[in-house]
Protein backbone atom coordinates (compact mmCIF):
# COMPACT_ATOMS: atom_id res chain seq x y z
CA MET A 1 -0.61 3.70 -0.71
CA ASN A 2 0.07 0.19 -1.27
CA TYR A 3 -0.13 -3.04 0.55
CA LEU A 4 2.83 -2.83 2.90
CA ALA A 5 1.63 1.07 3.60
CA HIS A 6 -2.14 -0.17 4.43
CA LEU A 7 -0.84 -2.65 6.66
CA TYR A 8 2.03 -0.38 8.56
CA PHE A 9 -1.49 1.77 9.67
CA ALA A 10 -3.52 -1.08 10.40
CA GLN A 11 -3.90 -1.70 14.66
CA PRO A 12 -2.28 -5.19 15.60
CA THR A 13 -6.27 -6.94 15.44
CA ALA A 14 -6.96 -9.10 12.14
CA ASP A 15 -10.30 -7.00 11.68
CA SER A 16 -7.73 -4.22 11.22
CA HIS A 17 -5.77 -5.98 9.27
CA PHE A 18 -8.56 -6.69 6.57
CA GLY A 19 -10.06 -3.66 7.26
CA ASN A 20 -6.92 -1.62 5.99
CA LEU A 21 -6.85 -3.96 2.84
CA LEU A 22 -10.71 -4.45 1.93
CA GLY A 23 -10.73 -0.72 0.35
CA ASP A 24 -8.84 -2.59 -2.29
CA PHE A 25 -11.05 -5.42 -2.83
CA GLY A 26 -14.27 -3.39 -2.95
CA GLY A 27 -14.20 -1.70 0.48
CA ARG A 28 -18.00 -0.60 0.94
CA ARG A 29 -19.49 -2.90 -1.82
CA HIS A 30 -18.04 -5.79 0.87
CA ALA A 31 -19.43 -4.22 4.63
CA GLU A 32 -22.82 -3.74 5.38
CA TYR A 33 -22.73 -7.23 7.07
CA LEU A 34 -19.08 -6.33 8.82
CA PRO A 35 -18.52 -5.53 12.58
CA ASN A 36 -17.50 -1.62 13.27
CA SER A 37 -13.79 -2.56 13.72
CA VAL A 38 -13.78 -3.98 10.05
CA LYS A 39 -15.30 -0.89 8.81
CA SER A 40 -13.46 1.20 11.13
CA ALA A 41 -10.42 0.02 9.59
CA LEU A 42 -12.13 0.66 5.98
CA GLU A 43 -12.35 4.09 6.74
CA ASN A 44 -8.98 4.21 7.85
CA HIS A 45 -8.11 2.92 4.42
CA TYR A 46 -9.77 5.94 2.61
CA LEU A 47 -8.76 8.58 4.64
CA VAL A 48 -5.02 7.38 3.46
CA ASP A 49 -5.42 6.70 0.23
CA LYS A 50 -7.00 10.12 -0.06
CA PHE A 51 -4.55 11.92 1.89
CA THR A 52 -2.22 10.70 0.09
CA ASP A 53 -3.49 11.62 -3.34
CA SER A 54 -4.42 15.04 -2.92
CA HIS A 55 -1.19 15.70 -1.62
CA PRO A 56 0.93 18.40 -2.86
CA LEU A 57 4.42 16.19 -2.70
CA VAL A 58 2.83 12.93 -4.19
CA LYS A 59 1.47 15.52 -7.09
CA GLU A 60 5.32 16.84 -7.45
CA ALA A 61 6.13 12.89 -7.48
CA LYS A 62 4.29 12.41 -10.81
CA GLN A 63 6.66 14.69 -12.55
CA TYR A 64 8.94 12.37 -12.67
CA PHE A 65 8.09 10.39 -14.46
CA SER A 66 7.80 10.09 -18.70
CA PRO A 67 4.73 12.03 -20.77
CA GLU A 68 3.49 8.55 -22.04
CA ARG A 69 3.14 6.92 -17.83
CA LYS A 70 2.18 9.95 -16.02
CA ARG A 71 -1.51 8.60 -16.22
CA PHE A 72 -0.79 5.82 -14.29
CA ALA A 73 1.67 7.14 -12.35
CA GLY A 74 0.26 7.21 -8.95
CA VAL A 75 0.03 3.31 -9.11
CA ALA A 76 3.62 3.32 -9.98
CA ILE A 77 4.54 6.08 -6.43
CA ASP A 78 2.22 3.60 -4.62
CA VAL A 79 4.47 0.55 -5.38
CA VAL A 80 7.89 2.74 -4.83
CA PHE A 81 6.39 4.07 -2.02
CA ASP A 82 5.74 0.46 -0.43
CA HIS A 83 10.10 0.24 -1.27
CA PHE A 84 11.01 2.99 0.25
CA LEU A 85 9.21 2.46 3.45
CA ILE A 86 10.56 -0.99 3.66
CA MET A 87 14.68 0.86 2.67
CA HIS A 88 13.29 3.46 5.78
CA TRP A 89 11.89 0.73 8.21
CA GLN A 90 13.68 1.08 11.33
CA ARG A 91 12.82 4.64 10.77
CA PHE A 92 9.39 4.26 11.35
CA ASN A 93 8.78 1.13 13.47
CA GLN A 94 10.73 -0.20 16.29
CA GLN A 95 9.25 -3.70 15.69
CA PRO A 96 12.08 -5.55 13.01
CA LEU A 97 10.08 -5.29 9.39
CA SER A 98 10.64 -10.11 8.97
CA ASP A 99 8.51 -9.78 12.46
CA PHE A 100 5.70 -6.86 11.68
CA LYS A 101 5.45 -9.19 7.65
CA CYS A 102 4.87 -12.50 9.98
CA ASN A 103 2.05 -10.89 12.81
CA SER A 104 0.48 -9.24 9.55
CA PHE A 105 0.68 -12.42 7.88
CA ALA A 106 -1.08 -14.32 10.07
CA LEU A 107 -3.32 -11.96 11.10
CA LEU A 108 -5.10 -11.42 7.60
CA ASN A 109 -4.62 -15.29 7.43
CA LYS A 110 -7.17 -15.62 10.24
CA ARG A 111 -9.34 -13.39 7.83
CA MET A 112 -9.50 -14.87 4.46
CA PRO A 113 -12.99 -16.69 5.49
CA ILE A 114 -14.48 -14.04 4.74
CA MET A 115 -13.00 -12.09 2.12
CA PRO A 116 -14.22 -10.97 -1.35
CA PRO A 117 -12.86 -14.34 -3.67
CA ARG A 118 -10.52 -12.09 -5.27
CA MET A 119 -8.78 -10.50 -2.62
CA GLN A 120 -8.43 -14.23 -0.93
CA GLN A 121 -5.81 -14.75 -4.10
CA VAL A 122 -4.25 -11.92 -3.70
CA VAL A 123 -4.18 -12.25 0.16
CA THR A 124 -3.16 -15.99 -0.76
CA SER A 125 -0.09 -15.30 -3.32
CA MET A 126 0.53 -12.04 -1.02
CA THR A 127 1.65 -14.64 2.03
CA LYS A 128 2.77 -17.51 1.18
CA ASN A 129 5.12 -15.24 -1.38
CA ASP A 130 5.81 -12.75 0.59
CA TRP A 131 5.71 -9.92 -2.03
CA PHE A 132 7.23 -7.57 -0.14
CA LYS A 133 10.92 -9.10 -0.66
CA GLU A 134 10.14 -8.24 -3.76
CA TYR A 135 10.02 -4.95 -3.36
CA GLU A 136 13.51 -4.70 -1.65
CA THR A 137 15.01 -3.90 -5.00
CA ILE A 138 14.21 -1.77 -7.92
CA GLU A 139 13.73 -4.90 -9.70
CA GLY A 140 11.14 -5.91 -8.06
CA VAL A 141 9.47 -3.19 -7.39
CA GLY A 142 9.86 -3.13 -12.15
CA LEU A 143 8.61 -7.01 -11.53
CA ALA A 144 5.52 -5.54 -9.93
CA LEU A 145 4.75 -2.57 -11.53
CA ASP A 146 4.71 -4.86 -14.92
CA ASN A 147 2.80 -7.84 -13.63
CA ILE A 148 -0.10 -5.02 -12.66
CA ALA A 149 -0.20 -3.29 -15.81
CA LYS A 150 -0.79 -6.97 -17.62
CA ARG A 151 -3.72 -6.87 -14.39
CA ILE A 152 -5.81 -3.69 -16.31
CA ARG A 153 -7.97 -4.14 -18.61
CA PHE A 154 -7.91 -1.43 -21.18
CA THR A 155 -4.14 -0.41 -22.90
CA ASN A 156 -1.76 1.46 -20.42
CA ASN A 157 1.96 2.60 -20.60
CA LEU A 158 2.74 1.19 -16.91
CA THR A 159 5.11 -1.50 -18.51
CA GLY A 160 8.90 -0.21 -17.97
CA SER A 161 7.93 2.85 -15.24
CA ALA A 162 11.11 0.88 -12.98
CA GLU A 163 13.71 3.00 -15.97
CA ASP A 164 11.46 5.94 -15.17
CA ILE A 165 12.15 5.28 -10.89
CA ALA A 166 15.53 4.09 -11.50
CA GLN A 167 16.34 7.52 -13.25
CA ASN A 168 14.99 9.60 -10.55
CA TYR A 169 15.57 7.27 -7.41
CA HIS A 170 16.75 10.43 -5.05
CA GLU A 171 15.04 12.56 -5.57
CA LEU A 172 11.49 10.09 -5.29
CA GLU A 173 12.84 9.11 -1.71
CA SER A 174 13.13 12.50 -1.14
CA VAL A 175 9.13 12.79 -1.42
CA PHE A 176 8.70 9.88 0.77
CA LEU A 177 10.98 10.94 3.38
CA ALA A 178 8.86 13.98 3.58
CA PHE A 179 5.90 12.66 2.79
CA PHE A 180 4.86 9.86 5.60
CA PRO A 181 6.25 11.29 8.57
CA GLU A 182 2.98 13.75 7.37
CA LEU A 183 0.59 10.98 6.49
CA ILE A 184 1.47 9.29 9.59
CA GLU A 185 0.52 12.02 11.69
CA HIS A 186 -2.46 12.58 10.14
CA VAL A 187 -3.80 8.46 10.45
CA LYS A 188 -2.37 9.37 14.55
CA GLU A 189 -4.66 13.23 14.90
CA ARG A 190 -7.62 11.52 13.05
CA ASP A 191 -7.59 8.30 14.71
CA LEU A 192 -10.71 6.24 13.45
CA GLU A 193 -10.06 2.87 14.87
CA ARG A 194 -9.80 4.24 18.18
CA GLY A 195 -11.78 2.04 20.77
CA TYR A 196 -11.62 -1.66 18.64
């Protein structure tokens, strides 16, 4: 899953928001000296990713990407799932998305001093420029994916993934709507951040 989904699964604390994103920035390499509350949140991040990557519906979603993009379809699915989470936010969360973003960004900024440098850069840009606003449209999703493609250190065919998404939009949306409630249930059952 991508950043918004990981924040969705965080508890309303600074440590939880930090830990639930840390998995995308070296995770356990940085965890040794962190409090248990952050470590539990980091484990929650990995729980979400593992369940997502191994889920049959998510594997099925990869078929909606052209053969040359299939290798990076998982990256595109992560970002487009954030788009669908935004589109269907009220179905999954009572709090208005604008309030959720405001609170999440404030909590992340509280842990900025202890974030790894790369995470500091990304979170600063994400919170200042509200990346999730970009994810509201397929054009914005395409732009985000093209930017990710530029950051991948080797040749890839991720650029232009928005074409595949636009062509299979309703099928991908159906996958998300079937999958996300199962992910919510899985995270709830495991309850890795209990007590924090």
